């Protein structure tokens, strides 16, 4: 796994990248043929982004050296 991100700018960048991935997936889905699995995957992606946001809110800044 990756190293914990404490820097607010890095956290924001991470969340923006995840949101952009979500938007790309959303754009790639054909509404005429989208199935339940597609919708479930979108919901899962939103849940993961929300969970990460909550983790970042609760995370204390890294101790200074």
PDB file of N, CA and C in Angstrom:
ATOM      1  N   UNK A   1       0.835  -1.182   0.000  1.00  0.00           N
ATOM      2  CA  UNK A   1       0.000   0.000   0.000  1.00  0.00           C
ATOM      3  C   UNK A   1       0.877   1.242   0.000  1.00  0.00           C
ATOM      4  N   UNK A   2       0.271   2.348  -0.368  1.00  0.00           N
ATOM      5  CA  UNK A   2       1.011   3.596  -0.425  1.00  0.00           C
ATOM      6  C   UNK A   2       1.159   4.227   0.939  1.00  0.00           C
ATOM      7  N   UNK A   3       2.005   5.222   0.973  1.00  0.00           N
ATOM      8  CA  UNK A   3       2.265   5.965   2.188  1.00  0.00           C
ATOM      9  C   UNK A   3       1.083   6.880   2.475  1.00  0.00           C
ATOM     10  N   UNK A   4       0.760   7.062   3.763  1.00  0.00           N
ATOM     11  CA  UNK A   4      -0.348   7.933   4.144  1.00  0.00           C
ATOM     12  C   UNK A   4      -0.080   9.361   3.675  1.00  0.00           C
ATOM     13  N   UNK A   5      -1.132  10.022   3.208  1.00  0.00           N
ATOM     14  CA  UNK A   5      -1.018  11.384   2.695  1.00  0.00           C
ATOM     15  C   UNK A   5      -1.546  12.333   3.758  1.00  0.00           C
ATOM     16  N   UNK A   6      -0.666  13.215   4.274  1.00  0.00           N
ATOM     17  CA  UNK A   6      -1.059  14.175   5.294  1.00  0.00           C
ATOM     18  C   UNK A   6      -1.166  15.581   4.732  1.00  0.00           C
ATOM     19  N   UNK A   7      -0.457  15.854   3.668  1.00  0.00           N
ATOM     20  CA  UNK A   7      -0.444  17.184   3.079  1.00  0.00           C
ATOM     21  C   UNK A   7      -1.800  17.475   2.430  1.00  0.00           C
ATOM     22  N   UNK A   8      -2.407  18.590   2.810  1.00  0.00           N
ATOM     23  CA  UNK A   8      -3.744  18.931   2.303  1.00  0.00           C
ATOM     24  C   UNK A   8      -3.762  19.063   0.783  1.00  0.00           C
ATOM     25  N   UNK A   9      -2.710  19.612   0.189  1.00  0.00           N
ATOM     26  CA  UNK A   9      -2.663  19.741  -1.273  1.00  0.00           C
ATOM     27  C   UNK A   9      -2.628  18.373  -1.940  1.00  0.00           C
ATOM     28  N   UNK A  10      -1.860  17.448  -1.378  1.00  0.00           N
ATOM     29  CA  UNK A  10      -1.798  16.097  -1.930  1.00  0.00           C
ATOM     30  C   UNK A  10      -3.130  15.376  -1.755  1.00  0.00           C
ATOM     31  N   UNK A  11      -3.794  15.612  -0.634  1.00  0.00           N
ATOM     32  CA  UNK A  11      -5.101  15.008  -0.406  1.00  0.00           C
ATOM     33  C   UNK A  11      -6.102  15.509  -1.447  1.00  0.00           C
ATOM     34  N   UNK A  12      -6.088  16.810  -1.672  1.00  0.00           N
ATOM     35  CA  UNK A  12      -6.994  17.395  -2.655  1.00  0.00           C
ATOM     36  C   UNK A  12      -6.694  16.862  -4.052  1.00  0.00           C
ATOM     37  N   UNK A  13      -5.425  16.769  -4.405  1.00  0.00           N
ATOM     38  CA  UNK A  13      -5.031  16.227  -5.706  1.00  0.00           C
ATOM     39  C   UNK A  13      -5.514  14.783  -5.854  1.00  0.00           C
ATOM     40  N   UNK A  14      -5.338  13.987  -4.814  1.00  0.00           N
ATOM     41  CA  UNK A  14      -5.787  12.596  -4.841  1.00  0.00           C
ATOM     42  C   UNK A  14      -7.296  12.522  -5.088  1.00  0.00           C
ATOM     43  N   UNK A  15      -8.057  13.317  -4.337  1.00  0.00           N
ATOM     44  CA  UNK A  15      -9.512  13.297  -4.485  1.00  0.00           C
ATOM     45  C   UNK A  15      -9.942  13.775  -5.864  1.00  0.00           C
ATOM     46  N   UNK A  16      -9.277  14.786  -6.387  1.00  0.00           N
ATOM     47  CA  UNK A  16      -9.609  15.286  -7.723  1.00  0.00           C
ATOM     48  C   UNK A  16      -9.323  14.233  -8.783  1.00  0.00           C
ATOM     49  N   UNK A  17      -8.218  13.494  -8.636  1.00  0.00           N
ATOM     50  CA  UNK A  17      -7.893  12.429  -9.584  1.00  0.00           C
ATOM     51  C   UNK A  17      -8.945  11.328  -9.535  1.00  0.00           C
ATOM     52  N   UNK A  18      -9.358  10.955  -8.334  1.00  0.00           N
ATOM     53  CA  UNK A  18     -10.385   9.920  -8.193  1.00  0.00           C
ATOM     54  C   UNK A  18     -11.711  10.378  -8.798  1.00  0.00           C
ATOM     55  N   UNK A  19     -12.047  11.651  -8.592  1.00  0.00           N
ATOM     56  CA  UNK A  19     -13.280  12.182  -9.166  1.00  0.00           C
ATOM     57  C   UNK A  19     -13.207  12.211 -10.692  1.00  0.00           C
ATOM     58  N   UNK A  20     -12.049  12.566 -11.235  1.00  0.00           N
ATOM     59  CA  UNK A  20     -11.881  12.554 -12.694  1.00  0.00           C
ATOM     60  C   UNK A  20     -12.022  11.150 -13.261  1.00  0.00           C
ATOM     61  N   UNK A  21     -11.500  10.151 -12.559  1.00  0.00           N
ATOM     62  CA  UNK A  21     -11.658   8.763 -12.995  1.00  0.00           C
ATOM     63  C   UNK A  21     -13.137   8.397 -12.997  1.00  0.00           C
ATOM     64  N   UNK A  22     -13.845   8.796 -11.938  1.00  0.00           N
ATOM     65  CA  UNK A  22     -15.281   8.532 -11.862  1.00  0.00           C
ATOM     66  C   UNK A  22     -16.009   9.154 -13.057  1.00  0.00           C
ATOM     67  N   UNK A  23     -15.675  10.412 -13.364  1.00  0.00           N
ATOM     68  CA  UNK A  23     -16.328  11.097 -14.482  1.00  0.00           C
ATOM     69  C   UNK A  23     -16.031  10.429 -15.817  1.00  0.00           C
ATOM     70  N   UNK A  24     -14.806   9.931 -15.993  1.00  0.00           N
ATOM     71  CA  UNK A  24     -14.455   9.215 -17.220  1.00  0.00           C
ATOM     72  C   UNK A  24     -15.275   7.932 -17.352  1.00  0.00           C
ATOM     73  N   UNK A  25     -15.411   7.209 -16.242  1.00  0.00           N
ATOM     74  CA  UNK A  25     -16.212   5.983 -16.262  1.00  0.00           C
ATOM     75  C   UNK A  25     -17.665   6.323 -16.567  1.00  0.00           C
ATOM     76  N   UNK A  26     -18.175   7.363 -15.935  1.00  0.00           N
ATOM     77  CA  UNK A  26     -19.556   7.787 -16.162  1.00  0.00           C
ATOM     78  C   UNK A  26     -19.776   8.159 -17.628  1.00  0.00           C
ATOM     79  N   UNK A  27     -18.837   8.891 -18.212  1.00  0.00           N
ATOM     80  CA  UNK A  27     -18.953   9.278 -19.626  1.00  0.00           C
ATOM     81  C   UNK A  27     -18.898   8.078 -20.565  1.00  0.00           C
ATOM     82  N   UNK A  28     -18.204   7.027 -20.151  1.00  0.00           N
ATOM     83  CA  UNK A  28     -18.036   5.876 -21.028  1.00  0.00           C
ATOM     84  C   UNK A  28     -19.241   4.934 -21.018  1.00  0.00           C
ATOM     85  N   UNK A  29     -20.136   5.124 -20.078  1.00  0.00           N
ATOM     86  CA  UNK A  29     -21.301   4.231 -19.973  1.00  0.00           C
ATOM     87  C   UNK A  29     -22.395   4.696 -20.922  1.00  0.00           C
ATOM     88  N   UNK A  30     -22.889   3.753 -21.696  1.00  0.00           N
ATOM     89  CA  UNK A  30     -24.006   4.027 -22.602  1.00  0.00           C
ATOM     90  C   UNK A  30     -25.304   3.872 -21.819  1.00  0.00           C
ATOM     91  N   UNK A  31     -26.074   4.957 -21.660  1.00  0.00           N
ATOM     92  CA  UNK A  31     -27.302   4.876 -20.862  1.00  0.00           C
ATOM     93  C   UNK A  31     -28.309   3.862 -21.402  1.00  0.00           C
ATOM     94  N   UNK A  32     -28.243   3.605 -22.691  1.00  0.00           N
ATOM     95  CA  UNK A  32     -29.189   2.657 -23.302  1.00  0.00           C
ATOM     96  C   UNK A  32     -28.881   1.210 -22.938  1.00  0.00           C
ATOM     97  N   UNK A  33     -27.607   0.932 -22.665  1.00  0.00           N
ATOM     98  CA  UNK A  33     -27.218  -0.457 -22.402  1.00  0.00           C
ATOM     99  C   UNK A  33     -26.666  -0.674 -20.995  1.00  0.00           C
ATOM    100  N   UNK A  34     -26.629   0.380 -20.180  1.00  0.00           N
ATOM    101  CA  UNK A  34     -26.077   0.264 -18.828  1.00  0.00           C
ATOM    102  C   UNK A  34     -26.893  -0.739 -18.022  1.00  0.00           C
ATOM    103  N   UNK A  35     -26.171  -1.562 -17.305  1.00  0.00           N
ATOM    104  CA  UNK A  35     -26.829  -2.567 -16.478  1.00  0.00           C
ATOM    105  C   UNK A  35     -26.651  -2.269 -15.007  1.00  0.00           C
ATOM    106  N   UNK A  36     -27.209  -3.123 -14.203  1.00  0.00           N
ATOM    107  CA  UNK A  36     -27.126  -2.978 -12.761  1.00  0.00           C
ATOM    108  C   UNK A  36     -25.674  -3.002 -12.282  1.00  0.00           C
ATOM    109  N   UNK A  37     -24.836  -3.821 -12.905  1.00  0.00           N
ATOM    110  CA  UNK A  37     -23.417  -3.887 -12.529  1.00  0.00           C
ATOM    111  C   UNK A  37     -22.732  -2.545 -12.751  1.00  0.00           C
ATOM    112  N   UNK A  38     -23.068  -1.868 -13.837  1.00  0.00           N
ATOM    113  CA  UNK A  38     -22.489  -0.550 -14.114  1.00  0.00           C
ATOM    114  C   UNK A  38     -22.890   0.456 -13.040  1.00  0.00           C
ATOM    115  N   UNK A  39     -24.148   0.457 -12.681  1.00  0.00           N
ATOM    116  CA  UNK A  39     -24.650   1.375 -11.654  1.00  0.00           C
ATOM    117  C   UNK A  39     -24.020   1.056 -10.300  1.00  0.00           C
ATOM    118  N   UNK A  40     -23.917  -0.226  -9.987  1.00  0.00           N
ATOM    119  CA  UNK A  40     -23.290  -0.632  -8.725  1.00  0.00           C
ATOM    120  C   UNK A  40     -21.841  -0.176  -8.658  1.00  0.00           C
ATOM    121  N   UNK A  41     -21.136  -0.270  -9.768  1.00  0.00           N
ATOM    122  CA  UNK A  41     -19.734   0.156  -9.795  1.00  0.00           C
ATOM    123  C   UNK A  41     -19.628   1.664  -9.573  1.00  0.00           C
ATOM    124  N   UNK A  42     -20.514   2.435 -10.169  1.00  0.00           N
ATOM    125  CA  UNK A  42     -20.501   3.891  -9.960  1.00  0.00           C
ATOM    126  C   UNK A  42     -20.769   4.233  -8.496  1.00  0.00           C
ATOM    127  N   UNK A  43     -21.719   3.550  -7.904  1.00  0.00           N
ATOM    128  CA  UNK A  43     -22.023   3.781  -6.487  1.00  0.00           C
ATOM    129  C   UNK A  43     -20.831   3.411  -5.620  1.00  0.00           C
ATOM    130  N   UNK A  44     -20.174   2.306  -5.955  1.00  0.00           N
ATOM    131  CA  UNK A  44     -18.995   1.883  -5.203  1.00  0.00           C
ATOM    132  C   UNK A  44     -17.886   2.931  -5.307  1.00  0.00           C
ATOM    133  N   UNK A  45     -17.697   3.485  -6.479  1.00  0.00           N
ATOM    134  CA  UNK A  45     -16.655   4.512  -6.661  1.00  0.00           C
ATOM    135  C   UNK A  45     -16.960   5.753  -5.817  1.00  0.00           C
ATOM    136  N   UNK A  46     -18.226   6.181  -5.805  1.00  0.00           N
ATOM    137  CA  UNK A  46     -18.618   7.338  -4.997  1.00  0.00           C
ATOM    138  C   UNK A  46     -18.413   7.035  -3.514  1.00  0.00           C
ATOM    139  N   UNK A  47     -18.787   5.842  -3.083  1.00  0.00           N
ATOM    140  CA  UNK A  47     -18.594   5.449  -1.683  1.00  0.00           C
ATOM    141  C   UNK A  47     -17.118   5.474  -1.302  1.00  0.00           C
ATOM    142  N   UNK A  48     -16.243   5.016  -2.204  1.00  0.00           N
ATOM    143  CA  UNK A  48     -14.806   5.013  -1.926  1.00  0.00           C
ATOM    144  C   UNK A  48     -14.264   6.434  -1.815  1.00  0.00           C
ATOM    145  N   UNK A  49     -14.728   7.328  -2.674  1.00  0.00           N
ATOM    146  CA  UNK A  49     -14.294   8.726  -2.616  1.00  0.00           C
ATOM    147  C   UNK A  49     -14.772   9.351  -1.308  1.00  0.00           C
ATOM    148  N   UNK A  50     -16.009   9.084  -0.941  1.00  0.00           N
ATOM    149  CA  UNK A  50     -16.554   9.623   0.306  1.00  0.00           C
ATOM    150  C   UNK A  50     -15.784   9.103   1.521  1.00  0.00           C
ATOM    151  N   UNK A  51     -15.447   7.815   1.512  1.00  0.00           N
ATOM    152  CA  UNK A  51     -14.692   7.226   2.603  1.00  0.00           C
ATOM    153  C   UNK A  51     -13.316   7.888   2.723  1.00  0.00           C
ATOM    154  N   UNK A  52     -12.669   8.116   1.592  1.00  0.00           N
ATOM    155  CA  UNK A  52     -11.352   8.741   1.606  1.00  0.00           C
ATOM    156  C   UNK A  52     -11.452  10.181   2.110  1.00  0.00           C
ATOM    157  N   UNK A  53     -12.509  10.893   1.732  1.00  0.00           N
ATOM    158  CA  UNK A  53     -12.704  12.257   2.226  1.00  0.00           C
ATOM    159  C   UNK A  53     -12.831  12.247   3.746  1.00  0.00           C
ATOM    160  N   UNK A  54     -13.601  11.324   4.276  1.00  0.00           N
ATOM    161  CA  UNK A  54     -13.762  11.218   5.723  1.00  0.00           C
ATOM    162  C   UNK A  54     -12.441  10.899   6.409  1.00  0.00           C
ATOM    163  N   UNK A  55     -11.640  10.021   5.803  1.00  0.00           N
ATOM    164  CA  UNK A  55     -10.328   9.695   6.369  1.00  0.00           C
ATOM    165  C   UNK A  55      -9.440  10.937   6.409  1.00  0.00           C
ATOM    166  N   UNK A  56      -9.456  11.710   5.333  1.00  0.00           N
ATOM    167  CA  UNK A  56      -8.635  12.907   5.277  1.00  0.00           C
ATOM    168  C   UNK A  56      -9.085  13.936   6.312  1.00  0.00           C
ATOM    169  N   UNK A  57     -10.382  14.053   6.529  1.00  0.00           N
ATOM    170  CA  UNK A  57     -10.898  15.002   7.522  1.00  0.00           C
ATOM    171  C   UNK A  57     -10.414  14.654   8.920  1.00  0.00           C
ATOM    172  N   UNK A  58     -10.352  13.365   9.223  1.00  0.00           N
ATOM    173  CA  UNK A  58      -9.991  12.898  10.557  1.00  0.00           C
ATOM    174  C   UNK A  58      -8.482  12.813  10.773  1.00  0.00           C
ATOM    175  N   UNK A  59      -7.727  12.797   9.708  1.00  0.00           N
ATOM    176  CA  UNK A  59      -6.278  12.608   9.797  1.00  0.00           C
ATOM    177  C   UNK A  59      -5.613  13.867  10.329  1.00  0.00           C
ATOM    178  N   UNK A  60      -4.761  13.670  11.301  1.00  0.00           N
ATOM    179  CA  UNK A  60      -4.002  14.783  11.856  1.00  0.00           C
ATOM    180  C   UNK A  60      -2.768  15.010  11.002  1.00  0.00           C
ATOM    181  N   UNK A  61      -2.285  16.238  10.953  1.00  0.00           N
ATOM    182  CA  UNK A  61      -1.065  16.513  10.167  1.00  0.00           C
ATOM    183  C   UNK A  61       0.104  15.676  10.659  1.00  0.00           C
ATOM    184  N   UNK A  62       0.987  15.347   9.747  1.00  0.00           N
ATOM    185  CA  UNK A  62       2.185  14.581  10.090  1.00  0.00           C
ATOM    186  C   UNK A  62       3.049  15.386  11.052  1.00  0.00           C
ATOM    187  N   UNK A  63       3.675  14.726  11.991  1.00  0.00           N
ATOM    188  CA  UNK A  63       4.553  15.455  12.903  1.00  0.00           C
ATOM    189  C   UNK A  63       5.749  16.028  12.174  1.00  0.00           C
ATOM    190  N   UNK A  64       6.155  17.202  12.597  1.00  0.00           N
ATOM    191  CA  UNK A  64       7.318  17.861  11.985  1.00  0.00           C
ATOM    192  C   UNK A  64       8.587  17.230  12.528  1.00  0.00           C
ATOM    193  N   UNK A  65       9.581  17.162  11.666  1.00  0.00           N
ATOM    194  CA  UNK A  65      10.880  16.607  12.099  1.00  0.00           C
ATOM    195  C   UNK A  65      11.795  17.679  12.583  1.00  0.00           C
TER     196      UNK A  65
END
